[in-house]
Protein backbone atom coordinates (compact mmCIF):
# COMPACT_ATOMS: atom_id res chain seq x y z
CA MET A 1 171.37 75.37 92.50
CA ALA A 2 169.54 78.53 93.72
CA GLU A 3 168.72 81.00 91.20
CA ARG A 4 170.48 84.29 91.55
CA PHE A 5 167.75 86.24 89.92
CA ASP A 6 164.22 86.23 89.39
CA PHE A 7 161.03 88.43 88.02
CA PRO A 8 158.13 89.46 90.14
CA GLY A 9 154.91 87.93 90.55
CA GLY A 10 154.02 84.64 88.30
CA ILE A 11 151.84 81.85 89.44
CA THR A 12 152.08 77.77 89.02
CA PRO A 13 149.11 76.39 87.32
CA PRO A 14 148.68 72.79 86.96
CA THR A 15 150.88 72.09 83.98
CA ARG A 16 148.75 68.81 82.46
CA LYS A 17 151.75 68.37 80.15
CA ALA A 18 151.81 64.70 81.07
CA ARG A 19 149.08 63.38 78.63
CA SER A 20 151.08 64.64 75.62
CA THR A 21 154.63 63.54 76.73
CA ARG A 22 154.13 59.82 77.42
CA ALA A 23 154.06 58.79 73.79
CA PRO A 24 157.28 59.30 71.42
CA LEU A 25 157.12 62.05 68.63
CA ARG A 26 155.31 60.70 65.80
CA THR A 27 154.96 62.03 61.96
CA ALA A 28 151.51 62.87 60.96
CA PRO A 29 150.13 61.25 57.66
CA LEU A 30 150.89 63.26 54.67
CA PRO A 31 147.76 65.45 53.89
CA ARG A 32 145.61 65.01 50.95
CA ARG A 33 145.30 68.47 50.69
CA VAL A 34 146.89 71.71 52.33
CA ILE A 35 145.77 75.24 52.87
CA LEU A 36 148.73 77.65 52.83
CA PRO A 37 147.48 80.98 54.17
CA LEU A 38 149.76 84.00 52.85
CA ASP A 39 149.90 85.78 56.00
CA GLN A 40 151.17 83.39 58.64
CA HIS A 41 154.16 85.45 59.95
CA ALA A 42 154.99 88.96 61.21
CA GLY A 43 154.80 91.65 58.59
CA ALA A 44 153.68 91.86 54.92
CA PRO A 45 151.80 88.97 53.68
CA ALA A 46 153.76 86.69 50.80
CA GLU A 47 152.71 87.27 47.35
CA PRO A 48 151.62 84.19 45.20
CA CYS A 49 154.00 83.19 42.45
CA VAL A 50 152.57 80.12 41.17
CA GLU A 51 149.21 79.77 39.15
CA LEU A 52 146.09 77.73 39.18
CA GLY A 53 146.84 73.86 38.03
CA GLN A 54 150.61 74.35 38.24
CA ARG A 55 152.25 71.40 39.57
CA VAL A 56 154.69 72.11 42.58
CA ARG A 57 156.95 69.97 44.41
CA THR A 58 157.38 69.70 48.33
CA GLY A 59 159.60 72.69 49.03
CA GLU A 60 159.17 74.35 46.15
CA ARG A 61 158.38 78.04 46.64
CA ILE A 62 154.71 79.25 45.87
CA ALA A 63 154.68 82.97 47.55
CA ARG A 64 157.63 85.18 47.58
CA ALA A 65 158.45 87.53 50.53
CA SER A 66 157.29 91.28 50.00
CA GLY A 67 158.86 93.84 51.71
CA LEU A 68 161.82 93.90 54.40
CA ILE A 69 159.76 92.17 57.12
CA SER A 70 158.18 89.12 55.45
CA ALA A 71 158.54 85.51 54.65
CA ALA A 72 158.51 83.25 51.80
CA LEU A 73 155.96 80.62 51.62
CA HIS A 74 156.60 76.63 50.27
CA ALA A 75 154.49 73.96 49.05
CA SER A 76 154.21 71.37 51.95
CA ILE A 77 153.24 68.53 49.98
CA THR A 78 153.38 67.72 46.15
CA GLY A 79 150.37 68.21 43.92
CA ARG A 80 148.78 70.90 41.81
CA VAL A 81 147.40 74.43 42.55
CA ALA A 82 143.86 74.10 43.06
CA ALA A 83 142.82 77.38 44.27
CA ILE A 84 144.21 80.70 45.41
CA GLU A 85 141.23 82.21 47.65
CA GLU A 86 139.98 83.24 50.60
CA HIS A 87 139.68 80.63 53.49
CA ALA A 88 138.93 80.53 57.11
CA LEU A 89 142.22 81.35 59.60
CA PRO A 90 143.41 79.78 62.81
CA ALA A 91 142.51 82.75 64.64
CA GLY A 92 139.71 83.72 67.49
CA ASP A 93 138.10 86.33 65.77
CA GLY A 94 137.08 84.12 62.98
CA ARG A 95 138.62 86.04 60.33
CA ARG A 96 139.54 85.01 56.69
CA GLY A 97 142.09 85.43 54.48
CA PRO A 98 143.82 84.96 51.12
CA CYS A 99 145.44 81.00 50.91
CA ILE A 100 146.94 78.79 48.47
CA VAL A 101 145.29 75.59 48.35
CA ILE A 102 147.36 72.40 46.85
CA GLU A 103 145.69 69.25 45.98
CA GLY A 104 148.22 66.55 46.62
CA GLU A 105 149.18 63.44 44.24
CA GLY A 106 149.89 61.17 47.09
CA GLU A 107 153.61 61.43 46.71
CA ASP A 108 156.27 63.40 48.36
CA ASP A 109 158.66 64.66 45.72
CA TRP A 110 161.19 67.08 47.40
CA LEU A 111 162.90 70.23 46.10
CA THR A 112 165.28 71.18 48.19
CA LEU A 113 168.07 74.09 48.37
CA PRO A 114 171.96 73.23 48.17
CA SER A 115 173.56 72.31 51.38
CA LEU A 116 175.64 75.14 53.05
CA ASP A 117 178.51 74.86 55.59
CA TRP A 118 177.49 77.54 58.11
CA ARG A 119 180.88 77.64 59.80
CA GLN A 120 182.30 78.72 56.51
CA ALA A 121 179.93 80.22 54.20
CA PRO A 122 179.63 84.20 54.23
CA GLN A 123 177.29 85.91 56.41
CA ALA A 124 175.18 87.31 53.80
CA THR A 125 174.64 83.92 52.28
CA LEU A 126 173.38 82.34 55.29
CA LEU A 127 170.96 85.31 55.85
CA GLU A 128 169.78 84.86 52.24
CA ARG A 129 169.16 81.21 52.69
CA LEU A 130 167.20 82.03 55.99
CA ASP A 131 165.20 84.34 53.65
CA ALA A 132 164.70 81.70 50.77
CA ALA A 133 163.61 79.15 53.21
CA GLY A 134 160.87 81.22 54.69
CA VAL A 135 162.17 80.60 58.39
CA VAL A 136 160.31 82.27 61.14
CA GLY A 137 160.05 82.23 64.72
CA LEU A 138 158.23 79.04 65.92
CA GLY A 139 157.60 80.32 69.63
CA GLY A 140 154.23 82.14 68.68
CA ALA A 141 155.04 85.43 67.24
CA ALA A 142 156.37 84.02 63.75
CA PHE A 143 158.85 86.83 63.24
CA PRO A 144 160.95 86.32 60.07
CA THR A 145 164.22 84.75 61.51
CA GLN A 146 166.54 86.35 58.78
CA VAL A 147 165.45 89.97 59.79
CA LYS A 148 166.08 88.76 63.53
CA ALA A 149 169.69 87.48 62.48
CA ARG A 150 170.53 90.81 61.54
CA ILE A 151 170.63 92.37 64.98
CA ARG A 152 174.31 92.82 64.79
CA GLU A 153 173.55 95.88 62.44
CA LEU A 154 171.91 97.55 65.16
CA HIS A 155 173.29 95.98 68.45
CA ALA A 156 175.94 94.56 70.17
CA ILE A 157 174.73 91.16 71.38
CA ASP A 158 177.06 89.04 73.83
CA THR A 159 174.57 86.50 74.85
CA LEU A 160 172.29 84.07 72.58
CA VAL A 161 169.11 82.70 75.18
CA VAL A 162 167.75 79.64 74.25
CA ASN A 163 164.11 79.86 75.19
CA ALA A 164 163.41 76.48 76.22
CA ALA A 165 161.13 77.51 79.20
CA GLU A 166 157.93 76.32 77.73
CA CYS A 167 156.11 77.59 80.72
CA GLU A 168 152.32 77.35 79.56
CA PRO A 169 150.43 74.46 80.76
CA TYR A 170 149.84 71.64 78.15
CA ILE A 171 152.44 72.75 75.52
CA SER A 172 155.26 70.30 75.19
CA ALA A 173 156.37 70.85 71.37
CA ASP A 174 159.68 72.20 72.57
CA ASP A 175 160.25 69.40 75.27
CA LEU A 176 159.70 66.72 72.79
CA THR A 177 161.77 68.62 70.11
CA LEU A 178 164.84 68.72 72.63
CA ARG A 179 164.27 65.10 73.54
CA HIS A 180 164.82 64.18 69.82
CA PHE A 181 166.90 66.94 68.16
CA ALA A 182 169.04 68.28 71.22
CA ALA A 183 172.09 68.10 68.93
CA ASP A 184 170.51 69.97 66.09
CA VAL A 185 169.00 72.60 68.34
CA LEU A 186 172.51 73.36 69.82
CA GLU A 187 173.92 73.50 66.46
CA GLY A 188 171.17 75.72 65.12
CA ALA A 189 171.82 77.96 68.21
CA ARG A 190 175.65 78.15 67.56
CA LEU A 191 174.66 79.19 63.68
CA MET A 192 172.62 81.99 65.13
CA ALA A 193 175.33 83.06 67.58
CA ARG A 194 177.64 83.55 64.59
CA LEU A 195 175.16 85.50 62.72
CA ALA A 196 174.44 87.73 65.92
CA GLY A 197 178.12 87.83 67.03
CA ALA A 198 177.04 86.52 70.39
CA GLU A 199 180.06 85.19 72.47
CA ARG A 200 177.93 82.58 74.68
CA ILE A 201 174.88 80.61 74.43
CA LEU A 202 172.73 80.23 77.55
CA VAL A 203 169.98 77.53 77.51
CA GLY A 204 166.82 78.36 79.92
CA ILE A 205 164.89 75.14 80.66
CA GLU A 206 162.19 74.44 83.63
CA ASP A 207 162.92 71.75 85.71
CA ASP A 208 159.90 69.95 84.87
CA LYS A 209 161.73 68.62 81.60
CA PRO A 210 164.15 66.07 82.92
CA GLU A 211 164.22 64.10 79.68
CA ALA A 212 164.94 67.08 77.56
CA LEU A 213 167.47 68.62 79.91
CA GLN A 214 169.49 65.04 80.02
CA ALA A 215 169.39 65.39 76.21
CA LEU A 216 170.89 68.88 76.16
CA GLN A 217 173.42 67.74 78.42
CA ALA A 218 174.79 64.72 76.56
CA ALA A 219 174.54 67.04 73.27
CA ARG A 220 176.78 69.73 74.93
CA GLU A 221 179.13 67.17 76.13
CA ALA A 222 179.59 65.75 72.82
CA ASN A 223 180.65 68.85 71.30
CA LEU A 224 182.81 70.50 74.09
CA ALA A 225 185.42 71.84 71.27
CA GLU A 226 182.93 74.28 69.71
CA ALA A 227 184.15 77.71 69.81
CA VAL A 228 180.94 79.32 71.45
CA PRO A 229 180.46 77.65 74.95
CA VAL A 230 176.65 76.60 75.76
CA GLU A 231 175.75 76.84 79.33
CA ILE A 232 172.40 75.22 80.09
CA ARG A 233 170.44 76.61 83.18
CA PRO A 234 167.66 74.55 84.57
CA ILE A 235 165.22 77.09 86.66
CA ALA A 236 162.11 76.36 88.93
CA THR A 237 158.90 76.06 86.98
CA ARG A 238 156.67 79.14 87.27
CA TYR A 239 154.72 80.64 84.73
CA PRO A 240 155.33 83.15 82.74
CA SER A 241 158.95 82.26 82.68
CA GLY A 242 158.82 81.81 78.87
CA GLY A 243 158.24 85.69 78.27
CA GLU A 244 161.53 86.86 76.75
CA ARG A 245 161.60 89.84 79.61
CA GLN A 246 161.17 87.43 82.38
CA LEU A 247 163.42 85.00 81.34
CA ILE A 248 166.21 87.31 80.57
CA LYS A 249 165.68 88.46 84.14
CA ARG A 250 165.79 85.24 85.48
CA LEU A 251 169.01 83.83 83.67
CA LEU A 252 170.87 87.25 83.60
CA GLY A 253 169.50 89.74 85.88
CA ARG A 254 168.95 91.98 83.02
CA GLU A 255 165.77 94.42 82.91
CA VAL A 256 164.64 94.87 79.39
CA PRO A 257 163.47 98.63 79.33
CA SER A 258 159.81 99.68 79.06
CA GLY A 259 159.24 99.75 75.40
CA GLY A 260 162.69 98.14 74.42
CA LEU A 261 163.70 94.81 73.19
CA PRO A 262 166.10 92.17 74.44
CA ALA A 263 168.65 93.48 72.17
CA ASP A 264 169.01 96.55 74.04
CA VAL A 265 170.40 94.49 77.02
CA GLY A 266 172.82 92.42 74.88
CA THR A 267 170.84 89.54 74.39
CA HIS A 268 169.23 87.30 71.59
CA CYS A 269 166.43 85.00 72.29
CA HIS A 270 165.17 82.08 69.89
CA ASN A 271 162.79 79.37 70.38
CA PRO A 272 164.52 75.50 70.15
CA GLY A 273 161.99 75.03 67.01
CA THR A 274 163.26 78.03 65.15
CA LEU A 275 166.57 76.89 65.89
CA ARG A 276 166.15 73.45 64.38
CA ALA A 277 164.28 75.06 61.37
CA ALA A 278 167.27 77.35 60.72
CA LEU A 279 169.71 74.57 60.87
CA ALA A 280 167.82 72.67 58.47
CA ALA A 281 167.07 75.78 56.05
CA VAL A 282 171.13 75.68 55.93
CA ARG A 283 172.90 72.61 56.45
CA ASP A 284 170.19 70.46 54.85
CA GLY A 285 168.70 73.00 52.45
CA VAL A 286 165.00 71.99 53.73
CA PRO A 287 162.26 75.01 53.51
CA LEU A 288 160.30 75.26 56.56
CA VAL A 289 157.12 73.31 55.08
CA GLU A 290 156.32 71.47 58.73
CA ARG A 291 156.78 71.64 62.40
CA VAL A 292 156.21 70.23 65.84
CA VAL A 293 152.53 70.22 67.08
CA THR A 294 151.25 69.22 70.69
CA LEU A 295 147.88 67.48 70.11
CA THR A 296 146.24 67.27 73.66
CA GLY A 297 143.10 67.61 75.52
CA GLU A 298 140.80 64.90 76.76
CA ALA A 299 138.75 64.60 73.92
CA LEU A 300 141.81 63.07 72.11
CA ALA A 301 142.13 59.37 72.70
CA ARG A 302 146.09 59.38 71.40
CA PRO A 303 147.28 62.78 72.69
CA GLY A 304 151.11 63.44 71.89
CA ASN A 305 153.44 65.42 69.63
CA VAL A 306 153.37 65.11 65.90
CA VAL A 307 155.57 66.38 63.10
CA ALA A 308 152.93 67.93 60.89
CA ARG A 309 153.01 69.52 57.54
CA LEU A 310 152.13 73.31 57.36
CA GLY A 311 148.38 73.82 55.63
CA THR A 312 147.10 70.37 57.30
CA PRO A 313 143.53 70.86 58.04
CA ILE A 314 143.41 70.92 61.95
CA GLY A 315 140.40 68.69 61.95
CA GLU A 316 142.52 65.97 60.14
CA LEU A 317 145.20 66.36 62.48
CA LEU A 318 142.90 65.85 65.51
CA HIS A 319 141.19 63.01 63.79
CA PHE A 320 144.69 61.20 63.64
CA ALA A 321 145.07 61.77 67.20
CA GLY A 322 141.46 60.21 68.23
CA LEU A 323 139.27 63.24 68.21
CA ASP A 324 135.93 62.32 69.80
CA PRO A 325 133.89 65.29 68.20
CA ARG A 326 131.00 64.57 70.84
CA ALA A 327 133.36 65.07 73.64
CA LEU A 328 134.91 68.25 72.15
CA HIS A 329 133.67 71.54 73.99
CA ARG A 330 136.20 73.91 73.07
CA LEU A 331 139.29 74.12 70.63
CA VAL A 332 142.23 76.24 71.58
CA MET A 333 145.26 76.88 69.57
CA GLY A 334 148.33 77.62 71.79
CA GLY A 335 148.01 77.36 75.49
CA PRO A 336 144.88 77.84 77.70
CA MET A 337 146.34 81.16 79.11
CA MET A 338 147.53 83.08 75.97
CA GLY A 339 145.78 80.84 73.21
CA GLU A 340 143.08 81.44 70.68
CA ALA A 341 139.63 79.69 70.86
CA LEU A 342 139.02 78.41 67.12
CA GLY A 343 135.34 78.01 66.03
CA GLU A 344 135.97 75.32 63.08
CA LEU A 345 138.08 72.41 62.46
CA ALA A 346 138.61 73.49 58.81
CA CYS A 347 141.44 75.90 59.62
CA PRO A 348 144.84 74.83 58.86
CA VAL A 349 147.87 74.65 60.79
CA VAL A 350 150.33 77.66 60.33
CA LYS A 351 153.93 78.18 61.29
CA ALA A 352 152.76 79.48 64.61
CA THR A 353 150.70 76.44 65.62
CA ASN A 354 152.55 75.09 68.33
CA CYS A 355 149.69 73.16 70.34
CA LEU A 356 146.06 72.38 69.44
CA ILE A 357 143.89 71.64 72.67
CA ALA A 358 140.57 69.78 72.19
CA ALA A 359 139.25 70.14 75.72
CA THR A 360 136.00 68.75 76.98
CA ARG A 361 133.40 70.77 79.02
CA GLN A 362 134.77 69.50 82.29
CA GLU A 363 138.20 70.47 81.18
CA LEU A 364 137.88 73.70 80.36
CA PRO A 365 134.75 74.91 81.51
CA ASP A 366 132.98 78.15 80.39
CA PRO A 367 134.18 80.99 82.41
CA PRO A 368 131.61 82.15 85.27
CA PRO A 369 130.01 85.62 85.02
CA GLU A 370 132.11 88.79 85.67
CA GLN A 371 131.67 89.98 88.95
CA PRO A 372 132.69 93.62 90.24
CA CYS A 373 136.55 94.32 91.42
CA ILE A 374 136.66 93.98 95.01
CA ARG A 375 140.16 95.76 94.98
CA CYS A 376 142.17 92.95 96.73
CA GLY A 377 145.16 93.35 94.92
CA ALA A 378 145.68 89.70 94.00
CA CYS A 379 146.33 90.99 90.17
CA GLU A 380 149.18 93.29 91.13
CA GLU A 381 150.91 90.43 93.04
CA VAL A 382 151.22 88.11 90.32
CA CYS A 383 151.89 90.37 87.57
CA PRO A 384 155.40 89.59 85.81
CA ALA A 385 155.71 92.88 84.33
CA SER A 386 155.26 94.84 87.53
CA LEU A 387 152.48 96.84 86.26
CA LEU A 388 149.24 98.02 88.03
CA PRO A 389 146.45 95.57 86.58
CA GLN A 390 143.72 96.89 88.44
CA GLN A 391 144.33 100.60 87.43
CA LEU A 392 144.98 99.55 83.83
CA TYR A 393 141.43 97.53 84.28
CA TRP A 394 139.68 101.02 85.23
CA PHE A 395 141.46 102.93 82.47
CA ALA A 396 140.78 100.72 79.72
CA ARG A 397 137.07 100.07 81.00
CA GLY A 398 136.49 103.66 80.99
CA ARG A 399 138.41 104.23 77.45
CA GLU A 400 140.87 106.51 79.28
CA HIS A 401 143.65 105.25 76.48
CA ASP A 402 146.18 108.20 77.35
CA LYS A 403 146.06 107.12 81.19
CA ALA A 404 146.64 103.48 80.13
CA GLU A 405 149.50 104.39 78.01
CA ARG A 406 150.94 106.52 80.73
CA PHE A 407 150.71 103.28 83.01
CA HIS A 408 152.56 101.40 80.59
CA LEU A 409 149.95 99.29 78.91
CA PHE A 410 151.90 98.13 76.00
CA ASP A 411 154.41 96.34 78.58
CA CYS A 412 151.75 93.95 79.20
CA ILE A 413 152.62 90.57 77.82
CA GLU A 414 148.90 89.25 78.13
CA CYS A 415 149.98 86.25 79.92
CA GLY A 416 146.91 86.04 81.87
CA ALA A 417 148.15 85.52 85.04
CA CYS A 418 146.05 88.42 86.60
CA SER A 419 142.69 86.90 85.12
CA TYR A 420 143.85 83.55 86.76
CA VAL A 421 143.76 84.84 90.32
CA CYS A 422 140.83 87.17 90.18
CA PRO A 423 138.47 86.42 92.64
CA SER A 424 135.54 88.26 90.49
CA HIS A 425 136.66 86.48 87.46
CA ILE A 426 137.03 89.51 85.44
CA PRO A 427 138.96 88.72 82.12
CA LEU A 428 141.58 91.56 82.68
CA GLU A 429 143.80 90.79 79.80
CA GLN A 430 140.91 90.70 77.38
CA TYR A 431 140.42 94.62 78.53
CA TYR A 432 144.12 95.46 78.00
CA ARG A 433 143.98 93.70 74.53
CA ALA A 434 141.09 95.63 73.48
CA ALA A 435 142.39 98.81 74.76
CA LYS A 436 145.90 98.05 72.75
CA GLN A 437 143.50 97.67 69.83
CA ALA A 438 141.71 100.75 70.03
CA ILE A 439 144.87 102.68 70.54
CA ARG A 440 146.49 100.90 67.47
CA ALA A 441 143.36 102.17 65.55
CA GLN A 442 143.59 105.80 66.55
CA ARG A 443 147.24 105.71 65.62
CA ARG A 444 146.49 104.34 62.21
CA GLU A 445 143.75 107.03 61.68
CA ALA A 446 146.12 109.68 62.56
CA ALA A 447 148.85 108.06 60.41
CA ARG A 448 147.03 108.00 57.19
CA ALA A 449 147.85 111.78 56.25
CA ASP A 450 151.40 110.99 57.11
CA HIS A 451 151.42 107.60 55.02
CA ALA A 452 150.07 109.78 52.27
CA ARG A 453 152.78 112.23 52.77
CA HIS A 454 155.50 109.60 52.81
CA ARG A 455 154.39 108.09 49.48
CA PHE A 456 154.41 111.43 47.81
CA GLU A 457 158.09 111.73 49.39
CA PHE A 458 158.81 108.42 48.00
CA ARG A 459 157.73 109.31 44.43
CA GLN A 460 159.91 112.49 44.44
CA ALA A 461 162.86 110.60 45.69
CA ARG A 462 162.85 107.98 42.98
CA LEU A 463 162.37 110.84 40.40
CA ALA A 464 165.32 112.60 41.91
CA ARG A 465 167.55 109.27 42.04
CA GLU A 466 166.59 108.64 38.40
CA GLN A 467 167.29 112.07 37.29
CA ALA A 468 170.77 111.87 38.98
CA GLU A 469 171.31 108.55 37.42
CA LYS A 470 170.36 109.59 34.17
CA GLU A 471 172.90 112.53 34.66
CA ALA A 472 175.74 110.72 35.78
CA ARG A 473 175.40 108.44 32.64
CA ARG A 474 175.08 111.57 30.28
CA ALA A 475 178.45 112.82 31.73
CA ALA A 476 180.05 109.54 31.34
CA ARG A 477 179.00 109.10 27.58
CA LYS A 478 180.50 112.44 27.10
CA ARG A 479 183.75 111.95 28.80
CA ALA A 480 184.04 108.37 26.65
CA ALA A 481 183.10 110.40 23.44
CA ALA A 482 185.78 113.20 23.63
CA PRO A 483 188.72 112.82 22.00
CA ALA A 484 191.87 112.31 24.24
CA ALA A 485 193.80 115.31 22.26
CA ARG A 486 190.84 117.83 23.37
CA ARG A 487 190.78 116.65 26.75
CA PRO A 488 192.61 119.45 28.85
CA ALA A 489 194.41 118.89 32.10
CA GLY A 490 191.68 120.64 34.07
CA GLY A 491 188.37 121.62 34.12
CA ASP A 492 184.81 121.47 34.95
CA THR A 493 182.50 118.64 33.46
CA GLN A 494 178.96 120.07 32.00
CA GLY A 495 176.33 118.03 33.59
CA THR A 496 178.41 116.75 36.58
CA ALA A 497 179.08 118.54 39.98
CA PRO A 498 182.43 120.35 40.15
CA ALA A 499 185.15 119.08 42.20
CA ALA A 500 184.38 122.00 44.65
CA ASP A 501 181.19 120.24 45.71
CA LEU A 502 182.80 116.98 46.62
CA ARG A 503 182.82 117.88 50.08
CA GLY A 504 179.05 118.71 50.35
CA LEU A 505 178.02 115.50 48.36
CA ARG A 506 179.97 113.50 50.65
CA ILE A 507 178.23 115.10 53.66
CA ALA A 508 174.87 114.52 51.64
CA HIS A 509 175.69 110.73 51.05
CA SER A 510 176.81 110.32 54.74
CA ALA A 511 173.54 111.81 55.99
CA ALA A 512 171.41 109.70 53.41
CA THR A 513 173.12 106.66 54.62
CA ALA A 514 172.15 107.51 58.28
CA ALA A 515 168.80 108.11 57.39
CA GLU A 516 168.53 104.72 55.51
CA ARG A 517 169.85 102.97 58.78
CA LYS A 518 167.67 104.64 61.13
CA ALA A 519 164.60 103.76 58.99
CA GLU A 520 165.79 100.33 58.78
CA LYS A 521 166.31 100.11 62.66
CA ALA A 522 162.54 102.05 63.27
CA LEU A 523 160.90 99.20 61.01
CA ALA A 524 163.11 96.05 62.58
CA ARG A 525 161.98 97.48 66.07
CA ALA A 526 158.43 98.26 65.12
CA ALA A 527 157.86 94.40 63.57
CA GLU A 528 159.79 92.82 66.42
CA SER A 529 158.19 94.31 69.38
CA GLY A 530 154.83 92.87 68.07
CA GLU A 531 152.94 95.82 68.67
CA ALA A 532 152.83 97.39 65.15
CA ASP A 533 149.82 96.60 62.90
CA PRO A 534 150.07 95.93 59.28
CA ALA A 535 149.27 99.46 57.89
CA SER A 536 151.97 101.08 60.22
CA LEU A 537 154.61 98.30 59.26
CA ASP A 538 153.67 99.47 55.40
CA ASP A 539 154.37 103.10 56.24
CA LEU A 540 157.42 102.25 57.78
CA GLU A 541 158.47 99.95 54.82
CA THR A 542 157.34 103.26 52.60
CA GLN A 543 159.68 105.62 54.68
CA LEU A 544 162.81 103.29 54.47
CA ALA A 545 162.31 102.86 50.69
CA THR A 546 162.24 106.60 50.49
CA ALA A 547 165.65 106.75 52.77
CA ARG A 548 167.05 104.18 50.07
CA GLU A 549 166.22 106.19 47.05
CA ASN A 550 167.60 109.39 48.52
CA ARG A 551 170.84 107.61 49.45
CA GLN A 552 171.21 106.09 45.81
CA ALA A 553 170.55 109.54 44.25
CA ALA A 554 173.15 110.76 46.56
CA GLU A 555 175.52 107.83 45.53
CA ALA A 556 174.85 108.72 42.08
CA ARG A 557 175.54 112.36 42.35
CA LEU A 558 178.72 111.63 44.57
CA GLN A 559 180.14 109.09 42.05
CA ALA A 560 179.36 111.48 39.10
CA ALA A 561 181.82 114.04 40.87
CA ARG A 562 184.51 112.01 41.57
CA ASP A 563 184.45 110.74 38.21
CA ALA A 564 184.47 114.42 36.61
CA GLU A 565 187.28 115.34 38.98
CA GLU A 566 189.35 111.71 37.95
CA LYS A 567 188.71 112.15 34.03
CA PRO A 568 188.00 116.16 33.62
CA LEU A 569 186.95 116.91 29.88
């Protein structure tokens, strides 16, 4: 069937997926030791809630979410907490971060949550379960799913899009997930559609996955009586069809505005692995402690896809796939276009680890030397976001960040298509990434003074809320202590607002509630966009906390005035 819509640009590099899709999905051996970073999701790192030496069971919470944009962390094996310390993280810059290390006992003693019927359970209960289970997006962004599921509080959603395109070379985790768990993925999609208020489910899948497509169609036919209809739409293979903006354009013809989110055009996107994890958390009570990982590359003797426990050392997982250390030239987490080259095998598998490429020198050679730009325009032709890569390159190289922003630098999805076709071998997306980091650093510097002011405002709001609640309790005690015979038919209550102030208090309460919703929306948009740094998110969390304190203080004053009007002394 011919596609009605399409996005501009794009490329068709060799997919190189065959080596990892020949074998069926396997389960990796239980690791003897796991390293679980506290920061493996978008937003604030989790806070440890276990002690050294404590015995933990598989699925037991070991770190709680901190703040609105955060996610809980659970033990992925049964054992004892051996350390809470800094450890190498799976990041291209070689950074380290706090991790919880668990030494296993060789057994798998599970601690699960009670099963829930997602069709009958209240929405608040389902959101609490997703939060408690630590579910995040498994497509790469690792955004907390329970936050994303609250989208109907801010937007009207009509379509839930299942992003099964998996367009980047090498990666086949979603393909194998759909082959083996298609029914669970579609049921998870219906669960998330209920939470988002979506009226239909649209599955976008590239046509190079015939087995996954067949499994999806069979799962849909087996559940045609479900209330929310499911449409499966194959699309031609082209990179980067898996970008949210590009897939929405291709499936629905809707343009996500510059600086906007899919929710702005009534859509809600989820990855197949995320949907399966969400269903497992709700229906089976299983927290997110494992995921499907593609193990591929010519340095592996047994490539394929495995279900691996989070925290498994990458080296241990690759040796299970038959790693030849002498042939290994480059280790990449993710795909060759958007992934990160890792410096050591001791890094752990995290929630965002969808693929590990153990490449030889011939397979992924070192890039040739960068040459001067010849202004050929090839980069512009393949840009899926309709940007001007050449202009952005000059601005980024010349540190003209204000001009780069005016040319929509932050609409760049860093797909690497421009670098792929550049005859001068200029790593264009690296220049754009560096420019974004510089701009964010400038914003952080400018926001420090604002953050200090916001913290002061939060303290003042907290004191005001405590004072209002104290006055309300004092007035309630006076009313309770006053003899019934001494209560006149009318009059003001000392320590509470007069009845004449009720209208003003209602207005103040409405304004405070609106301010809180505005702060929630700003925080959610900043976190979901993926552009906000931890310091900015922390400042937005402070602003939200301030708004909540103001709203609670307004509620206390309004309730005290209402009580005084109903029961005057």
